[in-house]
Amino acid sequence: MQAPEIKTKEWKTVQLQEVVRVFRGASPRPKGDPRYYGGPIPRVLIEDVTRDGKYVTPRVDSLTEEGAKKSRYLEKGSVVLSCSGTRVAIPGILAIPACIHDGFFGFDDFKELEPEYLYYLFEQLHEKMQSSATTGGVFNNLTTQIMKEMYIDIPSLSEQKKIISLLNIWDKAIELKEKLIEQKKEQKKGLELKLLSGKIRLSGFRGKWEIQPIEKVCDLNMGKTPSRNKALYWGKGYSWIAISDMKGKYISKTREQITELAIKESGIKIIPKDTVIMSFKLTIGRLAITKEEMYSNEAIVSFGVKNSGILDSEYLYYYLNSIDVTQYGSRAAKGITLNKDSLKEIMVRFPPFEEQLEIRKILSNADREIDLLGGELLLLNKQKKALMQQLLTGKIRVEV
């Protein structure tokens, strides 16, 4: 799946405006006015592009015919690119006709340039533009003039089509892998529903299931954040967990550490190894299992199993992951809130200990399969990125 290194006709350098019409979107004002919004004409939002990827079908917002007159209407097959804020340079190709607002550029009327080739060029430039946007560089809030005058190197149309064909192979492989991962995740959800409810029992197990408030089987401890004004509290020392550290099933590393002095003066309690932790403020319900002794901030609760022969920590992790913990919260101005009292009301359903171990083994195997597929997907994306760097710069040429 590699392009052969064959020299062909030379490429040429052009300004983008020489080979495609470049324009900024527009938005009817005032926003939400029923004269302009809520009609039959789709309007692209950033969430449409990030959700759909290459081919975009707007599903969230729409305009009336009068609203479309005050926006910018594009035909199917036109290229769009986000161009303001910190989420710049996200490209897409319209799968249906739609309007774009002033947070997007539109590209149509192509000459000597394939729309799909331009899409891949923008995809290749994404990280550079995104990094520039977040650091206040030249690509932050791209102007139409900057975009029009951007220089690009392009081969002949026939070579562009060959490059597109090669990159499409990787896109298809990535798409199939993503679909397989989603299928495996759905299968795992089905397993969880069956195994953690007790509706279906594993062969050879007949003992009675129990339902207990979580405070009966676990010690609940909330974390703390030592004062940020005391430098002696932060630095080398002991792992301290923030919600942003909870990115997978297990957590063994954190971005920050607190010192022994911070622990002593703040009274923060240690979280033992192999303890289930859960976020319960702002981001609710994110779970992980500690793989070493740690401390956490005040938005994280730890569930220390009182008797390891009655309840298994990893089983508890899967059980909590299978329920909606927000049902135990209360509504507030900023959404659902949970506190220690409401967390104590969480009910845990569990079978005899040996059956818990078998259930966690089955679900752990499902996790490992999903993780392996995720690694394969990451490799495919890396391969595509490397190939784009070679093909879209002319370092590797294709036979046409």
Protein backbone atom coordinates (compact mmCIF):
# COMPACT_ATOMS: atom_id res chain seq x y z
CA MET A 1 0.00 0.00 0.00
CA GLN A 2 2.87 2.34 -0.75
CA ALA A 3 3.16 4.64 -3.72
CA PRO A 4 6.07 3.79 -6.08
CA GLU A 5 8.87 6.33 -6.28
CA ILE A 6 8.64 7.28 -9.95
CA LYS A 7 9.50 10.69 -11.36
CA THR A 8 6.88 12.30 -13.57
CA LYS A 9 6.09 15.82 -14.74
CA GLU A 10 7.05 18.64 -12.43
CA TRP A 11 4.59 20.23 -10.03
CA LYS A 12 3.74 23.90 -10.02
CA THR A 13 3.32 26.45 -7.25
CA VAL A 14 0.16 28.56 -7.28
CA GLN A 15 -1.82 30.78 -4.98
CA LEU A 16 -5.00 29.10 -3.83
CA GLN A 17 -7.16 31.82 -5.43
CA GLU A 18 -5.72 30.91 -8.83
CA VAL A 19 -7.24 27.43 -8.80
CA VAL A 20 -10.37 27.74 -6.65
CA ARG A 21 -12.88 30.37 -5.55
CA VAL A 22 -12.32 31.21 -1.87
CA PHE A 23 -14.98 32.93 0.24
CA ARG A 24 -16.11 33.31 3.82
CA GLY A 25 -19.49 32.18 5.09
CA ALA A 26 -22.12 34.52 6.50
CA SER A 27 -24.81 34.39 9.18
CA PRO A 28 -28.25 36.00 9.26
CA ARG A 29 -28.80 38.43 12.12
CA PRO A 30 -30.26 38.41 14.68
CA LYS A 31 -29.35 34.85 15.56
CA GLY A 32 -32.34 32.59 16.08
CA ASP A 33 -34.77 34.89 14.28
CA PRO A 34 -37.56 32.59 12.93
CA ARG A 35 -37.56 34.57 9.68
CA TYR A 36 -34.11 33.13 9.00
CA TYR A 37 -33.64 30.04 11.16
CA GLY A 38 -35.39 26.67 11.37
CA GLY A 39 -36.21 26.25 7.69
CA PRO A 40 -35.49 23.42 5.22
CA ILE A 41 -31.95 24.46 4.17
CA PRO A 42 -29.14 22.77 6.16
CA ARG A 43 -26.40 24.93 7.71
CA VAL A 44 -23.00 23.51 8.59
CA LEU A 45 -21.78 23.71 12.19
CA ILE A 46 -18.37 22.70 13.53
CA GLU A 47 -19.93 19.70 15.29
CA ASP A 48 -21.12 18.40 11.91
CA VAL A 49 -17.60 18.45 10.51
CA THR A 50 -15.97 16.91 13.59
CA ARG A 51 -18.67 14.23 13.74
CA ASP A 52 -18.77 13.21 10.07
CA GLY A 53 -15.16 13.59 9.01
CA LYS A 54 -14.54 13.75 5.29
CA TYR A 55 -18.10 13.88 3.92
CA VAL A 56 -20.34 16.19 5.90
CA THR A 57 -24.12 16.05 6.23
CA PRO A 58 -25.37 18.95 8.42
CA ARG A 59 -27.92 17.69 10.95
CA VAL A 60 -28.08 20.28 13.72
CA ASP A 61 -28.97 23.68 12.26
CA SER A 62 -30.97 24.97 9.30
CA LEU A 63 -32.12 28.16 7.61
CA THR A 64 -35.22 29.38 5.83
CA GLU A 65 -35.00 30.54 2.22
CA GLU A 66 -34.73 34.12 3.46
CA GLY A 67 -31.98 33.07 5.86
CA ALA A 68 -30.07 31.34 3.07
CA LYS A 69 -30.03 34.61 1.12
CA LYS A 70 -28.14 36.19 4.01
CA SER A 71 -25.73 33.27 4.31
CA ARG A 72 -23.45 31.53 1.77
CA TYR A 73 -24.95 28.57 -0.09
CA LEU A 74 -22.71 25.79 -1.44
CA GLU A 75 -23.47 22.89 -3.72
CA LYS A 76 -22.78 19.25 -2.90
CA GLY A 77 -19.08 18.45 -3.30
CA SER A 78 -17.85 21.87 -2.17
CA VAL A 79 -14.98 21.94 0.34
CA VAL A 80 -15.38 23.73 3.69
CA LEU A 81 -12.78 24.65 6.30
CA SER A 82 -13.32 26.00 9.82
CA CYS A 83 -11.50 29.31 10.20
CA SER A 84 -12.08 30.97 13.57
CA GLY A 85 -11.46 30.37 17.25
CA THR A 86 -9.25 27.54 18.48
CA ARG A 87 -10.81 24.86 16.26
CA VAL A 88 -9.47 26.08 12.95
CA ALA A 89 -8.48 24.09 9.88
CA ILE A 90 -11.01 21.27 10.23
CA PRO A 91 -11.89 20.38 6.61
CA GLY A 92 -14.86 18.64 5.07
CA ILE A 93 -16.61 17.98 1.78
CA LEU A 94 -20.34 18.64 1.64
CA ALA A 95 -22.35 15.47 1.07
CA ILE A 96 -25.44 17.61 0.40
CA PRO A 97 -26.01 21.28 -0.55
CA ALA A 98 -25.81 23.53 2.53
CA CYS A 99 -25.05 27.01 3.86
CA ILE A 100 -21.98 28.00 5.84
CA HIS A 101 -21.69 30.68 8.52
CA ASP A 102 -18.79 33.10 9.04
CA GLY A 103 -16.80 30.52 10.99
CA PHE A 104 -16.11 28.66 7.75
CA PHE A 105 -14.45 29.18 4.40
CA GLY A 106 -16.09 27.74 1.32
CA PHE A 107 -14.25 26.55 -1.80
CA ASP A 108 -15.83 25.92 -5.20
CA ASP A 109 -15.29 26.60 -8.92
CA PHE A 110 -12.16 24.41 -9.06
CA LYS A 111 -9.61 24.80 -11.87
CA GLU A 112 -6.66 22.40 -12.17
CA LEU A 113 -7.45 21.22 -8.66
CA GLU A 114 -9.55 18.28 -7.49
CA PRO A 115 -11.81 19.12 -4.48
CA GLU A 116 -10.76 15.91 -2.74
CA TYR A 117 -7.11 16.77 -3.25
CA LEU A 118 -7.67 20.14 -1.56
CA TYR A 119 -9.38 18.32 1.31
CA TYR A 120 -6.29 16.18 1.84
CA LEU A 121 -4.03 19.23 1.63
CA PHE A 122 -6.04 20.86 4.42
CA GLU A 123 -5.99 17.63 6.42
CA GLN A 124 -2.19 17.57 6.12
CA LEU A 125 -1.97 21.22 7.26
CA HIS A 126 -4.43 20.77 10.13
CA GLU A 127 -1.94 20.31 12.97
CA LYS A 128 0.19 23.25 11.84
CA MET A 129 -2.85 25.54 11.58
CA GLN A 130 -4.40 24.27 14.81
CA SER A 131 -1.16 24.79 16.73
CA SER A 132 -0.84 28.28 15.31
CA ALA A 133 -4.41 29.09 16.32
CA THR A 134 -3.99 28.01 19.93
CA THR A 135 -0.76 29.99 20.30
CA GLY A 136 -1.99 33.17 18.60
CA GLY A 137 -0.10 32.53 15.37
CA VAL A 138 -0.86 33.65 11.84
CA PHE A 139 -3.64 31.08 11.40
CA ASN A 140 -5.65 32.26 14.40
CA ASN A 141 -8.93 33.53 12.96
CA LEU A 142 -7.90 33.03 9.36
CA THR A 143 -8.75 35.91 7.03
CA THR A 144 -10.03 35.49 3.50
CA GLN A 145 -6.98 37.32 2.20
CA ILE A 146 -4.57 34.96 3.97
CA MET A 147 -6.39 31.98 2.54
CA LYS A 148 -6.59 33.37 -1.00
CA GLU A 149 -2.88 34.16 -1.07
CA MET A 150 -1.77 30.86 0.44
CA TYR A 151 0.72 29.09 -1.84
CA ILE A 152 0.26 25.41 -2.59
CA ASP A 153 2.20 22.94 -4.73
CA ILE A 154 0.07 20.84 -7.05
CA PRO A 155 0.77 18.12 -9.62
CA SER A 156 -1.27 17.46 -12.76
CA LEU A 157 -4.93 16.52 -12.41
CA SER A 158 -4.13 12.93 -13.38
CA GLU A 159 -1.52 12.68 -10.61
CA GLN A 160 -3.90 14.30 -8.13
CA LYS A 161 -6.50 11.64 -8.93
CA LYS A 162 -3.95 8.87 -8.41
CA ILE A 163 -2.92 10.35 -5.06
CA ILE A 164 -6.58 10.63 -4.06
CA SER A 165 -7.10 6.99 -5.00
CA LEU A 166 -4.18 5.88 -2.80
CA LEU A 167 -5.31 7.93 0.19
CA ASN A 168 -8.85 6.64 -0.24
CA ILE A 169 -7.51 3.14 0.40
CA TRP A 170 -6.29 4.25 3.84
CA ASP A 171 -9.54 6.13 4.49
CA LYS A 172 -11.52 2.97 3.76
CA ALA A 173 -9.29 0.84 5.99
CA ILE A 174 -9.63 3.41 8.81
CA GLU A 175 -13.40 3.58 8.37
CA LEU A 176 -13.74 -0.22 8.52
CA LYS A 177 -11.58 -0.38 11.63
CA GLU A 178 -13.63 2.37 13.31
CA LYS A 179 -16.85 0.51 12.52
CA LEU A 180 -15.41 -2.73 13.92
CA ILE A 181 -14.42 -0.96 17.13
CA GLU A 182 -17.93 0.48 17.49
CA GLN A 183 -19.40 -2.99 16.91
CA LYS A 184 -17.16 -4.45 19.61
CA LYS A 185 -18.14 -1.67 22.01
CA GLU A 186 -21.82 -2.38 21.39
CA GLN A 187 -21.22 -6.09 21.94
CA LYS A 188 -19.50 -5.29 25.22
CA LYS A 189 -22.46 -3.14 26.30
CA GLY A 190 -24.71 -6.10 25.60
CA LEU A 191 -22.46 -8.35 27.69
CA GLU A 192 -22.50 -5.85 30.55
CA LEU A 193 -26.29 -5.62 30.45
CA LYS A 194 -26.62 -9.40 30.64
CA LEU A 195 -23.81 -10.21 33.06
CA LEU A 196 -24.15 -7.32 35.54
CA SER A 197 -27.91 -7.54 35.92
CA GLY A 198 -28.05 -11.17 36.95
CA LYS A 199 -30.69 -11.88 34.30
CA ILE A 200 -28.35 -14.38 32.69
CA ARG A 201 -26.08 -16.48 34.93
CA LEU A 202 -22.76 -17.98 33.98
CA SER A 203 -22.64 -21.75 33.77
CA GLY A 204 -21.88 -23.41 37.11
CA PHE A 205 -22.89 -20.45 39.31
CA ARG A 206 -26.09 -20.52 41.34
CA GLY A 207 -25.46 -18.42 44.45
CA LYS A 208 -27.75 -15.55 45.45
CA TRP A 209 -27.08 -12.02 44.21
CA GLU A 210 -27.08 -9.14 46.67
CA ILE A 211 -28.07 -5.48 46.33
CA GLN A 212 -26.40 -3.12 48.81
CA PRO A 213 -25.92 0.65 49.18
CA ILE A 214 -22.34 1.35 48.14
CA GLU A 215 -21.52 2.78 51.59
CA LYS A 216 -22.17 -0.69 53.08
CA VAL A 217 -19.50 -2.35 50.96
CA CYS A 218 -17.08 0.54 50.33
CA ASP A 219 -15.40 3.38 52.20
CA LEU A 220 -16.09 6.63 50.33
CA ASN A 221 -13.38 9.27 50.47
CA MET A 222 -13.27 12.60 48.68
CA GLY A 223 -10.02 14.14 47.53
CA LYS A 224 -8.65 17.62 48.17
CA THR A 225 -6.60 20.22 46.32
CA PRO A 226 -3.74 21.63 48.42
CA SER A 227 -3.33 25.39 48.23
CA ARG A 228 -1.92 26.55 44.92
CA ASN A 229 -0.38 29.55 46.71
CA LYS A 230 2.13 27.39 48.53
CA ALA A 231 4.94 26.30 46.23
CA LEU A 232 6.19 23.80 48.82
CA TYR A 233 2.99 21.79 48.33
CA TRP A 234 3.69 21.03 44.65
CA GLY A 235 6.52 19.27 42.84
CA LYS A 236 8.24 15.95 43.45
CA GLY A 237 6.45 13.65 45.82
CA TYR A 238 3.21 11.71 45.48
CA SER A 239 0.86 11.29 42.49
CA TRP A 240 -2.14 13.62 42.60
CA ILE A 241 -5.08 12.88 40.29
CA ALA A 242 -7.17 15.42 38.37
CA ILE A 243 -10.09 14.40 36.16
CA SER A 244 -7.95 15.05 33.08
CA ASP A 245 -5.65 12.22 34.24
CA MET A 246 -8.51 9.71 34.02
CA LYS A 247 -8.18 8.68 30.38
CA GLY A 248 -8.55 4.92 30.57
CA LYS A 249 -9.42 1.98 32.77
CA TYR A 250 -6.18 2.09 34.76
CA ILE A 251 -4.31 5.12 36.04
CA SER A 252 -0.66 4.89 37.03
CA LYS A 253 0.70 8.30 36.08
CA THR A 254 -0.49 11.82 36.78
CA ARG A 255 0.57 15.22 35.49
CA GLU A 256 1.15 16.65 38.97
CA GLN A 257 2.58 15.57 42.29
CA ILE A 258 2.09 16.86 45.81
CA THR A 259 4.69 16.92 48.56
CA GLU A 260 4.64 15.24 51.95
CA LEU A 261 4.13 18.68 53.51
CA ALA A 262 0.96 19.18 51.43
CA ILE A 263 -0.38 15.82 52.55
CA LYS A 264 0.34 16.54 56.21
CA GLU A 265 -1.09 20.05 56.31
CA SER A 266 -4.14 19.52 54.06
CA GLY A 267 -5.20 16.23 55.63
CA ILE A 268 -5.77 14.64 52.21
CA LYS A 269 -6.33 10.87 52.38
CA ILE A 270 -4.37 8.34 50.38
CA ILE A 271 -6.08 6.19 47.76
CA PRO A 272 -4.71 2.64 47.91
CA LYS A 273 -3.61 0.68 44.84
CA ASP A 274 -6.43 -1.13 42.97
CA THR A 275 -9.13 1.26 44.17
CA VAL A 276 -12.02 2.43 41.98
CA ILE A 277 -12.22 6.20 41.62
CA MET A 278 -14.96 8.29 40.00
CA SER A 279 -15.38 11.95 39.04
CA PHE A 280 -18.56 13.47 40.47
CA LYS A 281 -18.26 17.22 39.74
CA LEU A 282 -18.32 18.98 36.36
CA THR A 283 -17.54 15.73 34.54
CA ILE A 284 -19.73 13.12 36.21
CA GLY A 285 -19.17 9.39 36.13
CA ARG A 286 -15.66 9.07 34.66
CA LEU A 287 -14.09 5.95 36.18
CA ALA A 288 -10.63 4.47 36.65
CA ILE A 289 -8.72 2.01 38.83
CA THR A 290 -5.55 3.16 40.56
CA LYS A 291 -2.44 1.07 39.90
CA GLU A 292 -0.40 2.68 42.65
CA GLU A 293 -1.06 4.68 45.81
CA MET A 294 -2.31 8.15 44.90
CA TYR A 295 -4.15 11.23 46.07
CA SER A 296 -6.90 13.11 44.22
CA ASN A 297 -8.63 16.46 43.95
CA GLU A 298 -12.00 17.33 45.45
CA ALA A 299 -13.95 16.37 42.29
CA ILE A 300 -12.99 12.70 42.63
CA VAL A 301 -14.33 10.10 45.05
CA SER A 302 -12.63 6.80 45.84
CA PHE A 303 -14.54 3.60 46.61
CA GLY A 304 -12.31 1.49 48.87
CA VAL A 305 -13.77 -2.01 49.05
CA LYS A 306 -14.24 -2.96 52.73
CA ASN A 307 -13.97 -6.71 52.24
CA SER A 308 -12.08 -7.95 49.18
CA GLY A 309 -13.61 -11.40 49.62
CA ILE A 310 -17.13 -9.99 49.24
CA LEU A 311 -16.75 -7.41 46.47
CA ASP A 312 -14.07 -7.27 43.78
CA SER A 313 -12.78 -3.79 42.82
CA GLU A 314 -12.66 -4.52 39.10
CA TYR A 315 -16.19 -5.93 39.17
CA LEU A 316 -17.27 -2.71 40.92
CA TYR A 317 -15.59 -0.68 38.16
CA TYR A 318 -17.61 -2.48 35.48
CA TYR A 319 -20.81 -2.26 37.49
CA LEU A 320 -20.53 1.50 38.05
CA ASN A 321 -19.65 1.93 34.38
CA SER A 322 -22.89 0.17 33.42
CA ILE A 323 -25.26 2.42 35.38
CA ASP A 324 -26.26 6.07 35.16
CA VAL A 325 -24.91 7.55 38.40
CA THR A 326 -26.59 10.89 37.68
CA GLN A 327 -29.88 9.30 38.81
CA TYR A 328 -28.58 9.70 42.36
CA GLY A 329 -27.89 13.41 41.93
CA SER A 330 -30.03 16.51 42.18
CA ARG A 331 -30.66 19.21 39.60
CA ALA A 332 -29.03 22.62 40.01
CA ALA A 333 -28.50 25.69 37.85
CA LYS A 334 -25.39 24.15 36.29
CA GLY A 335 -26.92 20.69 35.81
CA ILE A 336 -26.78 17.52 37.87
CA THR A 337 -24.80 17.68 41.13
CA LEU A 338 -23.56 14.85 43.34
CA ASN A 339 -22.16 14.99 46.87
CA LYS A 340 -21.04 12.46 49.46
CA ASP A 341 -24.56 11.92 50.79
CA SER A 342 -26.02 11.26 47.35
CA LEU A 343 -23.08 9.03 46.38
CA LYS A 344 -23.79 6.86 49.42
CA GLU A 345 -27.18 6.04 47.89
CA ILE A 346 -25.69 4.27 44.87
CA MET A 347 -26.95 0.69 44.91
CA VAL A 348 -24.54 -2.09 43.92
CA ARG A 349 -25.78 -5.41 42.58
CA PHE A 350 -23.29 -8.27 42.84
CA PRO A 351 -23.17 -12.09 42.77
CA PRO A 352 -20.96 -14.38 44.88
CA PHE A 353 -17.28 -13.44 44.73
CA GLU A 354 -16.12 -16.24 42.41
CA GLU A 355 -18.78 -15.30 39.86
CA GLN A 356 -17.67 -11.66 40.05
CA LEU A 357 -14.15 -12.77 39.10
CA GLU A 358 -15.45 -14.69 36.10
CA ILE A 359 -17.61 -11.76 34.95
CA ARG A 360 -14.71 -9.31 35.20
CA LYS A 361 -12.52 -11.76 33.25
CA ILE A 362 -15.02 -11.82 30.36
CA LEU A 363 -15.37 -8.03 30.31
CA SER A 364 -11.61 -7.52 30.64
CA ASN A 365 -11.07 -9.74 27.59
CA ALA A 366 -13.57 -7.59 25.69
CA ASP A 367 -11.65 -4.47 26.77
CA ARG A 368 -8.37 -5.96 25.59
CA GLU A 369 -9.85 -6.78 22.19
CA ILE A 370 -11.11 -3.19 21.83
CA ASP A 371 -7.72 -1.85 22.93
CA LEU A 372 -5.92 -4.00 20.35
CA LEU A 373 -8.22 -2.73 17.62
CA GLY A 374 -7.62 0.81 18.86
CA GLY A 375 -3.89 0.25 18.48
CA GLU A 376 -4.39 -0.98 14.93
CA LEU A 377 -6.49 2.10 14.18
CA LEU A 378 -3.77 4.37 15.57
CA LEU A 379 -1.21 2.64 13.34
CA LEU A 380 -3.40 3.10 10.26
CA ASN A 381 -3.77 6.81 11.00
CA LYS A 382 0.00 7.15 11.45
CA GLN A 383 0.61 5.34 8.16
CA LYS A 384 -1.84 7.60 6.36
CA LYS A 385 -0.28 10.71 7.88
CA ALA A 386 3.19 9.62 6.80
CA LEU A 387 1.96 8.78 3.30
CA MET A 388 0.22 12.14 2.96
CA GLN A 389 3.46 13.88 3.91
CA GLN A 390 5.23 12.04 1.10
CA LEU A 391 2.54 12.21 -1.58
CA LEU A 392 1.31 15.77 -1.05
CA THR A 393 4.80 17.26 -1.11
CA GLY A 394 6.06 15.35 -4.16
CA LYS A 395 8.72 13.47 -2.18
CA ILE A 396 7.17 10.29 -3.50
CA ARG A 397 5.70 10.43 -6.98
CA VAL A 398 3.08 8.20 -8.52
CA GLU A 399 2.92 6.72 -11.98
CA VAL A 400 0.11 8.14 -14.11
